[in-house]
Amino acid sequence: MPAIPAEVSVARKRAARVLRDWGLHEDGLHTASLVISELVGNVARHAVPHAARTTVTLTRTGTTLALAVHDEHPFLPEPLPTADPGQDCGRGLLIVDSLAREAGGALQVCPVPARGKEIRAVFPAAVCADLADLAACLADACPVMHFQRAMPN
């Protein structure tokens, strides 16, 4: 998709649609939508003109959910250890990193040789056997991304 601010909401909605189809619980959808918005927004703000396009990839295995954004800008950002309250920006990767760590996952910034970078938030994921299991897990404030269905084919 084009790396422009107007595409952030498009990326978020497309990702949410896929994740909803996969059975991701609503709490996880909110987190995933925030992550996609921050990562695609960063490309639109910081990677242009080196990256006119971005690619969003969603990957689910039996135990993880990875939300990734690729662009062709060579700069490899790092999340700031803290946010400066006087700044209008600089919190995006800090937020994504915090969300991933809180869930037991990680933020990964991976160079793609001669093609920029991929920034990926990886979250633990689990399938809940039934609604009672899901309700019990959510009542315990479990940070895992909960799916209500087995992995898609």
N, C-alpha and C. Protein backbone atom coordinates (compact mmCIF):
# COMPACT_ATOMS: atom_id res chain seq x y z
N MET A 1 0.84 -1.17 0.00
CA MET A 1 0.00 0.00 0.00
C MET A 1 0.88 1.24 0.00
N PRO A 2 0.38 2.36 -0.45
CA PRO A 2 1.17 3.60 -0.44
C PRO A 2 1.49 4.01 1.00
N ALA A 3 2.68 4.54 1.20
CA ALA A 3 3.11 4.98 2.52
C ALA A 3 2.68 6.42 2.75
N ILE A 4 1.37 6.59 2.93
CA ILE A 4 0.82 7.93 3.17
C ILE A 4 -0.13 7.85 4.37
N PRO A 5 -0.30 8.97 5.08
CA PRO A 5 -1.15 8.94 6.29
C PRO A 5 -2.56 8.41 6.06
N ALA A 6 -3.16 8.69 4.93
CA ALA A 6 -4.53 8.23 4.66
C ALA A 6 -4.64 6.70 4.65
N GLU A 7 -3.54 6.00 4.42
CA GLU A 7 -3.57 4.54 4.34
C GLU A 7 -3.48 3.86 5.71
N VAL A 8 -3.19 4.63 6.76
CA VAL A 8 -3.08 4.04 8.09
C VAL A 8 -4.41 3.39 8.48
N SER A 9 -5.52 4.10 8.30
CA SER A 9 -6.82 3.53 8.67
C SER A 9 -7.19 2.36 7.77
N VAL A 10 -6.78 2.41 6.52
CA VAL A 10 -7.04 1.29 5.60
C VAL A 10 -6.31 0.04 6.08
N ALA A 11 -5.04 0.20 6.43
CA ALA A 11 -4.24 -0.94 6.92
C ALA A 11 -4.85 -1.51 8.20
N ARG A 12 -5.24 -0.63 9.11
CA ARG A 12 -5.83 -1.06 10.37
C ARG A 12 -7.11 -1.85 10.13
N LYS A 13 -7.98 -1.36 9.26
CA LYS A 13 -9.25 -2.04 8.98
C LYS A 13 -9.05 -3.37 8.28
N ARG A 14 -8.12 -3.43 7.33
CA ARG A 14 -7.85 -4.69 6.63
C ARG A 14 -7.30 -5.73 7.60
N ALA A 15 -6.34 -5.31 8.45
CA ALA A 15 -5.75 -6.23 9.42
C ALA A 15 -6.82 -6.72 10.39
N ALA A 16 -7.66 -5.82 10.88
CA ALA A 16 -8.72 -6.21 11.82
C ALA A 16 -9.68 -7.21 11.18
N ARG A 17 -9.99 -7.01 9.91
CA ARG A 17 -10.90 -7.93 9.21
C ARG A 17 -10.29 -9.34 9.16
N VAL A 18 -9.02 -9.43 8.80
CA VAL A 18 -8.36 -10.74 8.73
C VAL A 18 -8.30 -11.37 10.12
N LEU A 19 -7.89 -10.60 11.11
CA LEU A 19 -7.76 -11.14 12.46
C LEU A 19 -9.11 -11.55 13.03
N ARG A 20 -10.14 -10.81 12.73
CA ARG A 20 -11.50 -11.18 13.17
C ARG A 20 -11.91 -12.50 12.49
N ASP A 21 -11.61 -12.63 11.20
CA ASP A 21 -11.91 -13.88 10.48
C ASP A 21 -11.16 -15.06 11.08
N TRP A 22 -9.96 -14.81 11.60
CA TRP A 22 -9.16 -15.86 12.23
C TRP A 22 -9.69 -16.22 13.61
N GLY A 23 -10.59 -15.38 14.16
CA GLY A 23 -11.17 -15.67 15.46
C GLY A 23 -10.51 -14.95 16.62
N LEU A 24 -9.72 -13.91 16.36
CA LEU A 24 -9.07 -13.18 17.45
C LEU A 24 -10.12 -12.48 18.31
N HIS A 25 -10.01 -12.64 19.62
CA HIS A 25 -10.94 -12.01 20.55
C HIS A 25 -10.83 -10.49 20.46
N GLU A 26 -11.91 -9.83 20.80
CA GLU A 26 -12.02 -8.37 20.67
C GLU A 26 -10.89 -7.62 21.39
N ASP A 27 -10.48 -8.08 22.59
CA ASP A 27 -9.38 -7.41 23.30
C ASP A 27 -8.10 -7.43 22.47
N GLY A 28 -7.83 -8.56 21.86
CA GLY A 28 -6.66 -8.67 21.01
C GLY A 28 -6.78 -7.81 19.77
N LEU A 29 -8.00 -7.67 19.24
CA LEU A 29 -8.22 -6.83 18.06
C LEU A 29 -7.87 -5.37 18.35
N HIS A 30 -8.22 -4.91 19.54
CA HIS A 30 -7.89 -3.52 19.90
C HIS A 30 -6.38 -3.32 19.95
N THR A 31 -5.68 -4.25 20.57
CA THR A 31 -4.22 -4.16 20.65
C THR A 31 -3.60 -4.24 19.27
N ALA A 32 -4.03 -5.21 18.48
CA ALA A 32 -3.47 -5.37 17.13
C ALA A 32 -3.74 -4.14 16.27
N SER A 33 -4.91 -3.55 16.39
CA SER A 33 -5.24 -2.35 15.61
C SER A 33 -4.33 -1.18 15.99
N LEU A 34 -4.06 -1.03 17.28
CA LEU A 34 -3.16 0.02 17.73
C LEU A 34 -1.76 -0.21 17.18
N VAL A 35 -1.28 -1.45 17.25
CA VAL A 35 0.05 -1.78 16.75
C VAL A 35 0.16 -1.48 15.26
N ILE A 36 -0.79 -1.94 14.47
CA ILE A 36 -0.75 -1.69 13.03
C ILE A 36 -0.79 -0.19 12.75
N SER A 37 -1.64 0.54 13.45
CA SER A 37 -1.72 2.00 13.25
C SER A 37 -0.38 2.67 13.53
N GLU A 38 0.25 2.29 14.62
CA GLU A 38 1.54 2.90 14.98
C GLU A 38 2.62 2.56 13.96
N LEU A 39 2.70 1.30 13.57
CA LEU A 39 3.77 0.88 12.65
C LEU A 39 3.60 1.46 11.26
N VAL A 40 2.38 1.43 10.72
CA VAL A 40 2.13 1.99 9.40
C VAL A 40 2.26 3.52 9.45
N GLY A 41 1.78 4.12 10.53
CA GLY A 41 1.93 5.56 10.70
C GLY A 41 3.38 5.99 10.73
N ASN A 42 4.24 5.19 11.36
CA ASN A 42 5.67 5.51 11.39
C ASN A 42 6.26 5.51 9.99
N VAL A 43 5.86 4.56 9.17
CA VAL A 43 6.35 4.53 7.79
C VAL A 43 5.91 5.79 7.06
N ALA A 44 4.64 6.14 7.20
CA ALA A 44 4.12 7.33 6.50
C ALA A 44 4.81 8.61 6.97
N ARG A 45 5.17 8.67 8.24
CA ARG A 45 5.81 9.88 8.77
C ARG A 45 7.32 9.93 8.55
N HIS A 46 7.98 8.78 8.66
CA HIS A 46 9.44 8.80 8.73
C HIS A 46 10.18 8.15 7.56
N ALA A 47 9.55 7.26 6.83
CA ALA A 47 10.26 6.52 5.79
C ALA A 47 10.20 7.16 4.42
N VAL A 48 9.25 8.03 4.20
CA VAL A 48 9.12 8.72 2.91
C VAL A 48 10.24 9.75 2.83
N PRO A 49 10.98 9.98 1.75
CA PRO A 49 10.76 9.51 0.39
C PRO A 49 11.48 8.21 0.05
N HIS A 50 12.21 7.62 1.01
CA HIS A 50 12.93 6.37 0.72
C HIS A 50 11.99 5.20 0.49
N ALA A 51 10.81 5.30 1.05
CA ALA A 51 9.86 4.20 0.93
C ALA A 51 8.50 4.76 0.52
N ALA A 52 8.16 4.60 -0.71
CA ALA A 52 6.86 5.09 -1.19
C ALA A 52 5.74 4.11 -0.86
N ARG A 53 6.11 2.87 -0.53
CA ARG A 53 5.12 1.84 -0.23
C ARG A 53 5.51 1.11 1.04
N THR A 54 4.52 0.47 1.63
CA THR A 54 4.75 -0.37 2.80
C THR A 54 3.95 -1.66 2.65
N THR A 55 4.41 -2.68 3.30
CA THR A 55 3.71 -3.97 3.28
C THR A 55 3.41 -4.38 4.71
N VAL A 56 2.17 -4.77 4.95
CA VAL A 56 1.76 -5.26 6.26
C VAL A 56 1.59 -6.78 6.15
N THR A 57 2.18 -7.50 7.10
CA THR A 57 2.10 -8.96 7.11
C THR A 57 1.60 -9.42 8.46
N LEU A 58 0.61 -10.29 8.45
CA LEU A 58 0.09 -10.90 9.66
C LEU A 58 0.44 -12.38 9.59
N THR A 59 1.05 -12.91 10.65
CA THR A 59 1.45 -14.31 10.67
C THR A 59 1.00 -14.93 11.98
N ARG A 60 0.30 -16.04 11.87
CA ARG A 60 -0.15 -16.74 13.06
C ARG A 60 0.35 -18.17 13.03
N THR A 61 0.97 -18.57 14.13
CA THR A 61 1.34 -19.97 14.31
C THR A 61 0.49 -20.49 15.48
N GLY A 62 0.76 -21.67 15.92
CA GLY A 62 0.01 -22.21 17.05
C GLY A 62 0.22 -21.46 18.34
N THR A 63 1.36 -20.77 18.48
CA THR A 63 1.67 -20.12 19.75
C THR A 63 1.99 -18.63 19.64
N THR A 64 2.00 -18.07 18.42
CA THR A 64 2.33 -16.65 18.28
C THR A 64 1.47 -15.97 17.22
N LEU A 65 1.38 -14.65 17.38
CA LEU A 65 0.80 -13.78 16.37
C LEU A 65 1.83 -12.70 16.12
N ALA A 66 2.26 -12.56 14.87
CA ALA A 66 3.23 -11.52 14.51
C ALA A 66 2.55 -10.51 13.59
N LEU A 67 2.70 -9.23 13.94
CA LEU A 67 2.18 -8.12 13.15
C LEU A 67 3.40 -7.37 12.63
N ALA A 68 3.61 -7.35 11.31
CA ALA A 68 4.84 -6.80 10.76
C ALA A 68 4.56 -5.78 9.67
N VAL A 69 5.46 -4.80 9.59
CA VAL A 69 5.41 -3.77 8.56
C VAL A 69 6.79 -3.66 7.94
N HIS A 70 6.85 -3.70 6.61
CA HIS A 70 8.11 -3.58 5.88
C HIS A 70 8.11 -2.28 5.08
N ASP A 71 9.26 -1.61 5.08
CA ASP A 71 9.46 -0.46 4.18
C ASP A 71 10.90 -0.50 3.69
N GLU A 72 11.20 0.30 2.69
CA GLU A 72 12.53 0.25 2.07
C GLU A 72 13.50 1.31 2.60
N HIS A 73 13.12 2.05 3.62
CA HIS A 73 14.03 3.02 4.23
C HIS A 73 15.10 2.25 5.00
N PRO A 74 16.39 2.61 4.86
CA PRO A 74 17.45 1.85 5.51
C PRO A 74 17.59 2.11 7.02
N PHE A 75 17.03 3.19 7.55
CA PHE A 75 17.20 3.53 8.96
C PHE A 75 16.51 2.50 9.84
N LEU A 76 17.22 2.04 10.87
CA LEU A 76 16.67 1.08 11.82
C LEU A 76 16.35 1.81 13.13
N PRO A 77 15.09 2.10 13.38
CA PRO A 77 14.75 2.83 14.60
C PRO A 77 14.84 1.95 15.84
N GLU A 78 14.95 2.61 16.98
CA GLU A 78 14.89 1.91 18.26
C GLU A 78 13.86 2.61 19.12
N PRO A 79 13.08 1.85 19.89
CA PRO A 79 12.13 2.51 20.77
C PRO A 79 12.88 3.32 21.82
N LEU A 80 12.39 4.52 22.10
CA LEU A 80 12.99 5.34 23.13
C LEU A 80 12.71 4.70 24.49
N PRO A 81 13.65 4.83 25.44
CA PRO A 81 13.40 4.23 26.76
C PRO A 81 12.24 4.91 27.50
N THR A 82 12.05 6.20 27.25
CA THR A 82 10.93 6.94 27.83
C THR A 82 10.48 7.97 26.80
N ALA A 83 9.27 8.44 26.97
CA ALA A 83 8.74 9.46 26.06
C ALA A 83 8.92 10.84 26.68
N ASP A 84 9.29 11.80 25.87
CA ASP A 84 9.41 13.19 26.30
C ASP A 84 8.02 13.81 26.26
N PRO A 85 7.48 14.23 27.41
CA PRO A 85 6.11 14.77 27.41
C PRO A 85 5.95 16.02 26.55
N GLY A 86 7.03 16.71 26.24
CA GLY A 86 6.95 17.92 25.42
C GLY A 86 6.95 17.65 23.93
N GLN A 87 7.16 16.43 23.52
CA GLN A 87 7.23 16.08 22.10
C GLN A 87 5.87 15.60 21.59
N ASP A 88 5.59 15.92 20.33
CA ASP A 88 4.35 15.46 19.71
C ASP A 88 4.48 14.04 19.15
N CYS A 89 5.69 13.56 18.99
CA CYS A 89 5.87 12.22 18.45
C CYS A 89 6.99 11.53 19.23
N GLY A 90 7.29 10.29 18.86
CA GLY A 90 8.35 9.56 19.52
C GLY A 90 7.86 8.49 20.47
N ARG A 91 6.56 8.29 20.53
CA ARG A 91 6.00 7.31 21.45
C ARG A 91 5.57 6.01 20.78
N GLY A 92 5.45 6.01 19.48
CA GLY A 92 4.89 4.87 18.76
C GLY A 92 5.58 3.56 19.03
N LEU A 93 6.89 3.50 18.81
CA LEU A 93 7.60 2.24 19.04
C LEU A 93 7.66 1.90 20.53
N LEU A 94 7.69 2.92 21.38
CA LEU A 94 7.66 2.69 22.82
C LEU A 94 6.34 2.01 23.21
N ILE A 95 5.24 2.48 22.64
CA ILE A 95 3.93 1.88 22.91
C ILE A 95 3.89 0.43 22.41
N VAL A 96 4.33 0.22 21.17
CA VAL A 96 4.30 -1.13 20.59
C VAL A 96 5.21 -2.07 21.39
N ASP A 97 6.40 -1.60 21.74
CA ASP A 97 7.33 -2.40 22.54
C ASP A 97 6.71 -2.75 23.89
N SER A 98 6.09 -1.78 24.54
CA SER A 98 5.47 -2.01 25.85
C SER A 98 4.33 -3.03 25.76
N LEU A 99 3.48 -2.89 24.74
CA LEU A 99 2.38 -3.84 24.57
C LEU A 99 2.89 -5.26 24.35
N ALA A 100 3.89 -5.39 23.49
CA ALA A 100 4.43 -6.72 23.20
C ALA A 100 5.09 -7.33 24.44
N ARG A 101 5.91 -6.54 25.14
CA ARG A 101 6.59 -7.06 26.35
C ARG A 101 5.59 -7.44 27.44
N GLU A 102 4.57 -6.60 27.63
CA GLU A 102 3.56 -6.86 28.65
C GLU A 102 2.89 -8.22 28.41
N ALA A 103 2.74 -8.59 27.16
CA ALA A 103 2.11 -9.86 26.82
C ALA A 103 3.10 -11.02 26.80
N GLY A 104 4.38 -10.74 27.04
CA GLY A 104 5.38 -11.80 26.98
C GLY A 104 5.98 -11.96 25.60
N GLY A 105 5.77 -10.98 24.73
CA GLY A 105 6.31 -11.01 23.37
C GLY A 105 7.47 -10.05 23.21
N ALA A 106 7.67 -9.57 21.99
CA ALA A 106 8.82 -8.70 21.72
C ALA A 106 8.58 -7.85 20.49
N LEU A 107 9.25 -6.72 20.47
CA LEU A 107 9.33 -5.88 19.28
C LEU A 107 10.65 -6.21 18.61
N GLN A 108 10.61 -6.45 17.31
CA GLN A 108 11.83 -6.80 16.57
C GLN A 108 12.00 -5.84 15.40
N VAL A 109 13.20 -5.28 15.26
CA VAL A 109 13.54 -4.43 14.12
C VAL A 109 14.58 -5.21 13.34
N CYS A 110 14.20 -5.65 12.14
CA CYS A 110 15.04 -6.55 11.36
C CYS A 110 15.44 -5.91 10.04
N PRO A 111 16.74 -5.75 9.80
CA PRO A 111 17.14 -5.24 8.49
C PRO A 111 16.81 -6.27 7.40
N VAL A 112 16.42 -5.78 6.25
CA VAL A 112 16.18 -6.62 5.08
C VAL A 112 17.24 -6.19 4.07
N PRO A 113 18.24 -7.04 3.84
CA PRO A 113 19.38 -6.63 3.00
C PRO A 113 18.94 -6.01 1.67
N ALA A 114 19.45 -4.82 1.43
CA ALA A 114 19.21 -4.05 0.20
C ALA A 114 17.74 -3.70 -0.01
N ARG A 115 16.91 -3.91 1.01
CA ARG A 115 15.48 -3.64 0.84
C ARG A 115 14.86 -3.01 2.08
N GLY A 116 15.62 -2.33 2.92
CA GLY A 116 15.04 -1.64 4.05
C GLY A 116 14.97 -2.46 5.31
N LYS A 117 13.77 -2.50 5.92
CA LYS A 117 13.61 -3.16 7.21
C LYS A 117 12.20 -3.69 7.39
N GLU A 118 12.08 -4.57 8.37
CA GLU A 118 10.78 -5.03 8.82
C GLU A 118 10.72 -4.80 10.33
N ILE A 119 9.64 -4.18 10.78
CA ILE A 119 9.42 -3.99 12.20
C ILE A 119 8.24 -4.88 12.56
N ARG A 120 8.48 -5.74 13.56
CA ARG A 120 7.52 -6.80 13.87
C ARG A 120 7.22 -6.80 15.37
N ALA A 121 5.96 -6.87 15.71
CA ALA A 121 5.54 -7.08 17.09
C ALA A 121 5.04 -8.51 17.18
N VAL A 122 5.65 -9.29 18.06
CA VAL A 122 5.30 -10.70 18.21
C VAL A 122 4.63 -10.89 19.57
N PHE A 123 3.45 -11.50 19.53
CA PHE A 123 2.67 -11.73 20.74
C PHE A 123 2.43 -13.22 20.94
N PRO A 124 2.41 -13.69 22.18
CA PRO A 124 1.98 -15.06 22.42
C PRO A 124 0.51 -15.19 22.04
N ALA A 125 0.13 -16.34 21.55
CA ALA A 125 -1.26 -16.57 21.14
C ALA A 125 -1.70 -17.96 21.59
N ALA A 126 -2.99 -18.08 21.82
CA ALA A 126 -3.55 -19.37 22.22
C ALA A 126 -4.98 -19.48 21.71
N VAL A 127 -5.41 -20.71 21.49
CA VAL A 127 -6.79 -20.97 21.11
C VAL A 127 -7.52 -21.40 22.37
N CYS A 128 -8.64 -20.75 22.64
CA CYS A 128 -9.48 -21.14 23.78
C CYS A 128 -10.48 -22.18 23.30
N ALA A 129 -10.57 -23.26 24.05
CA ALA A 129 -11.43 -24.38 23.64
C ALA A 129 -12.90 -23.98 23.58
N ASP A 130 -13.32 -23.13 24.51
CA ASP A 130 -14.72 -22.70 24.52
C ASP A 130 -14.81 -21.34 25.19
N LEU A 131 -16.02 -20.80 25.23
CA LEU A 131 -16.21 -19.46 25.79
C LEU A 131 -15.92 -19.41 27.28
N ALA A 132 -16.13 -20.52 28.01
CA ALA A 132 -15.83 -20.54 29.44
C ALA A 132 -14.33 -20.40 29.67
N ASP A 133 -13.53 -21.11 28.86
CA ASP A 133 -12.07 -20.99 28.97
C ASP A 133 -11.62 -19.56 28.67
N LEU A 134 -12.21 -18.98 27.62
CA LEU A 134 -11.88 -17.62 27.25
C LEU A 134 -12.25 -16.64 28.36
N ALA A 135 -13.43 -16.77 28.92
CA ALA A 135 -13.88 -15.88 29.99
C ALA A 135 -12.98 -15.99 31.21
N ALA A 136 -12.59 -17.21 31.57
CA ALA A 136 -11.71 -17.41 32.73
C ALA A 136 -10.34 -16.78 32.49
N CYS A 137 -9.83 -16.96 31.30
CA CYS A 137 -8.52 -16.40 30.96
C CYS A 137 -8.56 -14.87 31.00
N LEU A 138 -9.59 -14.29 30.40
CA LEU A 138 -9.72 -12.84 30.38
C LEU A 138 -9.95 -12.28 31.78
N ALA A 139 -10.68 -13.01 32.63
CA ALA A 139 -10.91 -12.57 34.01
C ALA A 139 -9.60 -12.50 34.79
N ASP A 140 -8.65 -13.34 34.43
CA ASP A 140 -7.33 -13.33 35.07
C ASP A 140 -6.40 -12.28 34.45
N ALA A 141 -6.93 -11.48 33.52
CA ALA A 141 -6.15 -10.43 32.83
C ALA A 141 -4.96 -11.03 32.08
N CYS A 142 -5.18 -12.18 31.50
CA CYS A 142 -4.15 -12.85 30.71
C CYS A 142 -3.84 -12.00 29.48
N PRO A 143 -2.57 -11.65 29.24
CA PRO A 143 -2.23 -10.77 28.12
C PRO A 143 -2.06 -11.48 26.77
N VAL A 144 -2.25 -12.77 26.73
CA VAL A 144 -2.07 -13.55 25.50
C VAL A 144 -3.15 -13.16 24.49
N MET A 145 -2.81 -13.20 23.20
CA MET A 145 -3.79 -13.00 22.13
C MET A 145 -4.63 -14.26 22.04
N HIS A 146 -5.92 -14.15 22.34
CA HIS A 146 -6.81 -15.30 22.38
C HIS A 146 -7.60 -15.44 21.08
N PHE A 147 -7.53 -16.63 20.53
CA PHE A 147 -8.31 -16.95 19.33
C PHE A 147 -9.42 -17.91 19.72
N GLN A 148 -10.56 -17.75 19.10
CA GLN A 148 -11.72 -18.59 19.39
C GLN A 148 -11.85 -19.73 18.38
N ARG A 149 -10.96 -19.78 17.42
CA ARG A 149 -10.99 -20.82 16.40
C ARG A 149 -9.57 -21.34 16.16
N ALA A 150 -9.50 -22.54 15.66
CA ALA A 150 -8.21 -23.11 15.28
C ALA A 150 -7.62 -22.29 14.12
N MET A 151 -6.37 -22.50 13.85
CA MET A 151 -5.69 -21.74 12.79
C MET A 151 -6.39 -21.94 11.45
N PRO A 152 -6.43 -20.86 10.65
CA PRO A 152 -7.03 -20.98 9.31
C PRO A 152 -6.18 -21.87 8.43
N ASN A 153 -6.80 -22.43 7.43
CA ASN A 153 -6.06 -23.30 6.49
C ASN A 153 -5.12 -22.52 5.65
